[in-house]
Amino acid sequence: MDQVPTPGRIVLYKPTTDEIESITGYEPGNHVIIEWPAIVVWVFSETVVNLKVFGDAPKDFWKTNAVLGEVVGEWRWPPRV
């Protein structure tokens, strides 16, 4: 069964280098892969949502029109354990 985004669902977001620098104040190396938890706050479709992203820093941020995917700047469902 495919998952469907709805407000309040938790997903994982891969921030861009600029987003990481803006939130944490440091520049990550190119080899660093970071995924931050995010909450879906608005749903446009099954693949496009607005997110409230919680970085590993005192600040968090809004990501608008985030697309479902596996690359930087996109969100995905967390793995089931």
N, C-alpha and C. Protein backbone atom coordinates (compact mmCIF):
# COMPACT_ATOMS: atom_id res chain seq x y z
N MET A 1 0.84 -1.18 0.00
CA MET A 1 0.00 0.00 0.00
C MET A 1 0.89 1.25 0.00
N ASP A 2 0.64 2.15 -0.92
CA ASP A 2 1.38 3.41 -0.99
C ASP A 2 0.92 4.35 0.09
N GLN A 3 1.85 5.12 0.62
CA GLN A 3 1.51 6.10 1.62
C GLN A 3 1.04 7.39 0.94
N VAL A 4 0.14 8.08 1.60
CA VAL A 4 -0.40 9.33 1.07
C VAL A 4 -0.10 10.43 2.08
N PRO A 5 0.49 11.55 1.62
CA PRO A 5 0.78 12.62 2.57
C PRO A 5 -0.49 13.32 3.04
N THR A 6 -0.53 13.57 4.33
CA THR A 6 -1.61 14.34 4.94
C THR A 6 -0.98 15.25 6.00
N PRO A 7 -1.61 16.37 6.32
CA PRO A 7 -1.04 17.25 7.34
C PRO A 7 -0.78 16.49 8.64
N GLY A 8 0.41 16.72 9.20
CA GLY A 8 0.79 16.07 10.44
C GLY A 8 1.69 14.86 10.27
N ARG A 9 1.77 14.33 9.05
CA ARG A 9 2.64 13.16 8.82
C ARG A 9 4.10 13.57 8.87
N ILE A 10 4.95 12.70 9.38
CA ILE A 10 6.38 12.95 9.45
C ILE A 10 7.06 12.31 8.24
N VAL A 11 7.95 13.09 7.62
CA VAL A 11 8.72 12.62 6.48
C VAL A 11 10.18 13.02 6.71
N LEU A 12 11.07 12.61 5.81
CA LEU A 12 12.47 12.99 5.86
C LEU A 12 12.76 13.91 4.69
N TYR A 13 13.50 15.00 4.96
CA TYR A 13 13.83 15.98 3.93
C TYR A 13 15.35 16.08 3.80
N LYS A 14 15.85 16.11 2.56
CA LYS A 14 17.28 16.26 2.30
C LYS A 14 17.54 17.73 1.97
N PRO A 15 18.09 18.49 2.92
CA PRO A 15 18.29 19.91 2.70
C PRO A 15 19.42 20.19 1.70
N THR A 16 19.32 21.34 1.04
CA THR A 16 20.38 21.79 0.15
C THR A 16 21.54 22.32 0.98
N THR A 17 22.68 22.51 0.37
CA THR A 17 23.84 23.06 1.06
C THR A 17 23.52 24.44 1.63
N ASP A 18 22.84 25.27 0.84
CA ASP A 18 22.46 26.60 1.32
C ASP A 18 21.55 26.54 2.54
N GLU A 19 20.60 25.60 2.53
CA GLU A 19 19.70 25.45 3.68
C GLU A 19 20.46 25.00 4.92
N ILE A 20 21.41 24.08 4.75
CA ILE A 20 22.20 23.60 5.88
C ILE A 20 23.03 24.74 6.46
N GLU A 21 23.69 25.51 5.60
CA GLU A 21 24.50 26.64 6.06
C GLU A 21 23.64 27.68 6.77
N SER A 22 22.47 27.96 6.22
CA SER A 22 21.57 28.96 6.80
C SER A 22 21.08 28.55 8.19
N ILE A 23 20.80 27.28 8.38
CA ILE A 23 20.25 26.81 9.64
C ILE A 23 21.33 26.52 10.68
N THR A 24 22.42 25.88 10.26
CA THR A 24 23.43 25.45 11.23
C THR A 24 24.60 26.41 11.36
N GLY A 25 24.84 27.23 10.33
CA GLY A 25 25.96 28.15 10.37
C GLY A 25 27.27 27.54 9.93
N TYR A 26 27.27 26.28 9.48
CA TYR A 26 28.50 25.68 8.97
C TYR A 26 28.26 25.11 7.58
N GLU A 27 29.36 24.96 6.85
CA GLU A 27 29.28 24.43 5.49
C GLU A 27 29.59 22.94 5.51
N PRO A 28 28.64 22.11 5.12
CA PRO A 28 28.90 20.67 5.11
C PRO A 28 29.78 20.29 3.92
N GLY A 29 30.53 19.22 4.07
CA GLY A 29 31.31 18.72 2.95
C GLY A 29 30.40 18.08 1.91
N ASN A 30 30.89 17.95 0.70
CA ASN A 30 30.08 17.36 -0.37
C ASN A 30 29.73 15.90 -0.09
N HIS A 31 30.53 15.24 0.74
CA HIS A 31 30.29 13.83 1.03
C HIS A 31 29.24 13.62 2.11
N VAL A 32 28.81 14.70 2.74
CA VAL A 32 27.85 14.58 3.84
C VAL A 32 26.43 14.45 3.29
N ILE A 33 25.74 13.42 3.74
CA ILE A 33 24.33 13.25 3.37
C ILE A 33 23.52 13.47 4.63
N ILE A 34 22.67 14.46 4.59
CA ILE A 34 21.87 14.81 5.76
C ILE A 34 20.40 14.67 5.41
N GLU A 35 19.65 14.08 6.32
CA GLU A 35 18.19 14.06 6.21
C GLU A 35 17.64 14.56 7.53
N TRP A 36 16.76 15.53 7.44
CA TRP A 36 16.15 16.08 8.63
C TRP A 36 14.68 15.70 8.68
N PRO A 37 14.12 15.48 9.88
CA PRO A 37 12.69 15.21 9.98
C PRO A 37 11.89 16.46 9.63
N ALA A 38 10.74 16.24 9.06
CA ALA A 38 9.86 17.34 8.69
C ALA A 38 8.41 16.90 8.87
N ILE A 39 7.55 17.86 9.13
CA ILE A 39 6.12 17.58 9.25
C ILE A 39 5.40 18.18 8.05
N VAL A 40 4.55 17.39 7.44
CA VAL A 40 3.74 17.88 6.33
C VAL A 40 2.72 18.87 6.89
N VAL A 41 2.69 20.08 6.33
CA VAL A 41 1.74 21.08 6.80
C VAL A 41 0.69 21.43 5.75
N TRP A 42 0.99 21.17 4.48
CA TRP A 42 0.02 21.42 3.43
C TRP A 42 0.28 20.46 2.29
N VAL A 43 -0.79 19.92 1.70
CA VAL A 43 -0.66 18.95 0.62
C VAL A 43 -1.24 19.52 -0.66
N PHE A 44 -0.42 19.55 -1.71
CA PHE A 44 -0.88 19.96 -3.03
C PHE A 44 -1.26 18.75 -3.87
N SER A 45 -0.49 17.68 -3.70
CA SER A 45 -0.75 16.42 -4.41
C SER A 45 -0.04 15.31 -3.64
N GLU A 46 -0.07 14.10 -4.16
CA GLU A 46 0.61 12.99 -3.49
C GLU A 46 2.12 13.12 -3.53
N THR A 47 2.64 14.05 -4.34
CA THR A 47 4.09 14.19 -4.46
C THR A 47 4.59 15.60 -4.13
N VAL A 48 3.71 16.57 -3.95
CA VAL A 48 4.13 17.95 -3.66
C VAL A 48 3.45 18.44 -2.39
N VAL A 49 4.29 18.87 -1.42
CA VAL A 49 3.78 19.30 -0.12
C VAL A 49 4.57 20.50 0.40
N ASN A 50 4.02 21.17 1.39
CA ASN A 50 4.78 22.15 2.17
C ASN A 50 5.20 21.48 3.46
N LEU A 51 6.43 21.76 3.91
CA LEU A 51 6.99 21.11 5.08
C LEU A 51 7.47 22.12 6.11
N LYS A 52 7.40 21.74 7.38
CA LYS A 52 8.11 22.42 8.46
C LYS A 52 9.27 21.50 8.78
N VAL A 53 10.50 21.95 8.48
CA VAL A 53 11.69 21.11 8.58
C VAL A 53 12.42 21.43 9.88
N PHE A 54 12.82 20.39 10.59
CA PHE A 54 13.51 20.52 11.86
C PHE A 54 14.96 20.08 11.71
N GLY A 55 15.87 21.06 11.59
CA GLY A 55 17.28 20.77 11.43
C GLY A 55 17.93 20.51 12.77
N ASP A 56 19.17 20.07 12.72
CA ASP A 56 19.94 19.81 13.92
C ASP A 56 20.58 21.12 14.39
N ALA A 57 19.72 22.06 14.76
CA ALA A 57 20.15 23.40 15.16
C ALA A 57 18.98 24.07 15.88
N PRO A 58 19.22 25.21 16.51
CA PRO A 58 18.13 25.90 17.21
C PRO A 58 17.02 26.38 16.28
N LYS A 59 17.34 26.55 14.99
CA LYS A 59 16.34 27.06 14.04
C LYS A 59 15.72 25.92 13.24
N ASP A 60 14.52 26.17 12.76
CA ASP A 60 13.88 25.28 11.81
C ASP A 60 13.41 26.16 10.65
N PHE A 61 12.84 25.55 9.60
CA PHE A 61 12.42 26.37 8.46
C PHE A 61 11.27 25.72 7.70
N TRP A 62 10.64 26.55 6.87
CA TRP A 62 9.56 26.11 5.99
C TRP A 62 10.14 25.75 4.64
N LYS A 63 9.71 24.65 4.07
CA LYS A 63 10.07 24.29 2.71
C LYS A 63 8.78 24.20 1.92
N THR A 64 8.62 25.10 0.97
CA THR A 64 7.38 25.12 0.19
C THR A 64 7.57 24.35 -1.11
N ASN A 65 6.49 23.75 -1.57
CA ASN A 65 6.47 23.00 -2.83
C ASN A 65 7.57 21.95 -2.91
N ALA A 66 7.76 21.23 -1.81
CA ALA A 66 8.75 20.16 -1.78
C ALA A 66 8.21 18.95 -2.55
N VAL A 67 9.08 18.36 -3.34
CA VAL A 67 8.70 17.25 -4.22
C VAL A 67 9.20 15.93 -3.64
N LEU A 68 8.39 14.90 -3.74
CA LEU A 68 8.77 13.55 -3.33
C LEU A 68 9.90 13.05 -4.20
N GLY A 69 10.98 12.55 -3.58
CA GLY A 69 12.10 12.02 -4.35
C GLY A 69 13.24 11.62 -3.44
N GLU A 70 14.36 11.32 -4.04
CA GLU A 70 15.51 10.80 -3.29
C GLU A 70 16.72 11.71 -3.33
N VAL A 71 16.64 12.87 -3.99
CA VAL A 71 17.82 13.73 -4.12
C VAL A 71 17.69 14.95 -3.22
N VAL A 72 18.77 15.73 -3.14
CA VAL A 72 18.80 16.93 -2.32
C VAL A 72 17.67 17.87 -2.72
N GLY A 73 17.01 18.43 -1.69
CA GLY A 73 15.89 19.34 -1.93
C GLY A 73 14.55 18.64 -2.05
N GLU A 74 14.53 17.33 -1.84
CA GLU A 74 13.29 16.55 -1.94
C GLU A 74 13.04 15.80 -0.63
N TRP A 75 11.82 15.32 -0.48
CA TRP A 75 11.43 14.59 0.72
C TRP A 75 11.11 13.14 0.36
N ARG A 76 11.12 12.30 1.40
CA ARG A 76 10.75 10.89 1.22
C ARG A 76 10.12 10.37 2.50
N TRP A 77 9.50 9.23 2.38
CA TRP A 77 8.93 8.59 3.56
C TRP A 77 10.05 7.93 4.36
N PRO A 78 9.98 7.97 5.70
CA PRO A 78 10.99 7.27 6.49
C PRO A 78 10.83 5.76 6.32
N PRO A 79 11.93 5.03 6.46
CA PRO A 79 11.82 3.57 6.33
C PRO A 79 11.00 2.99 7.48
N ARG A 80 10.33 1.92 7.18
CA ARG A 80 9.57 1.21 8.23
C ARG A 80 10.52 0.26 8.93
N VAL A 81 10.41 0.23 10.24
CA VAL A 81 11.27 -0.68 11.01
C VAL A 81 10.45 -1.62 11.87
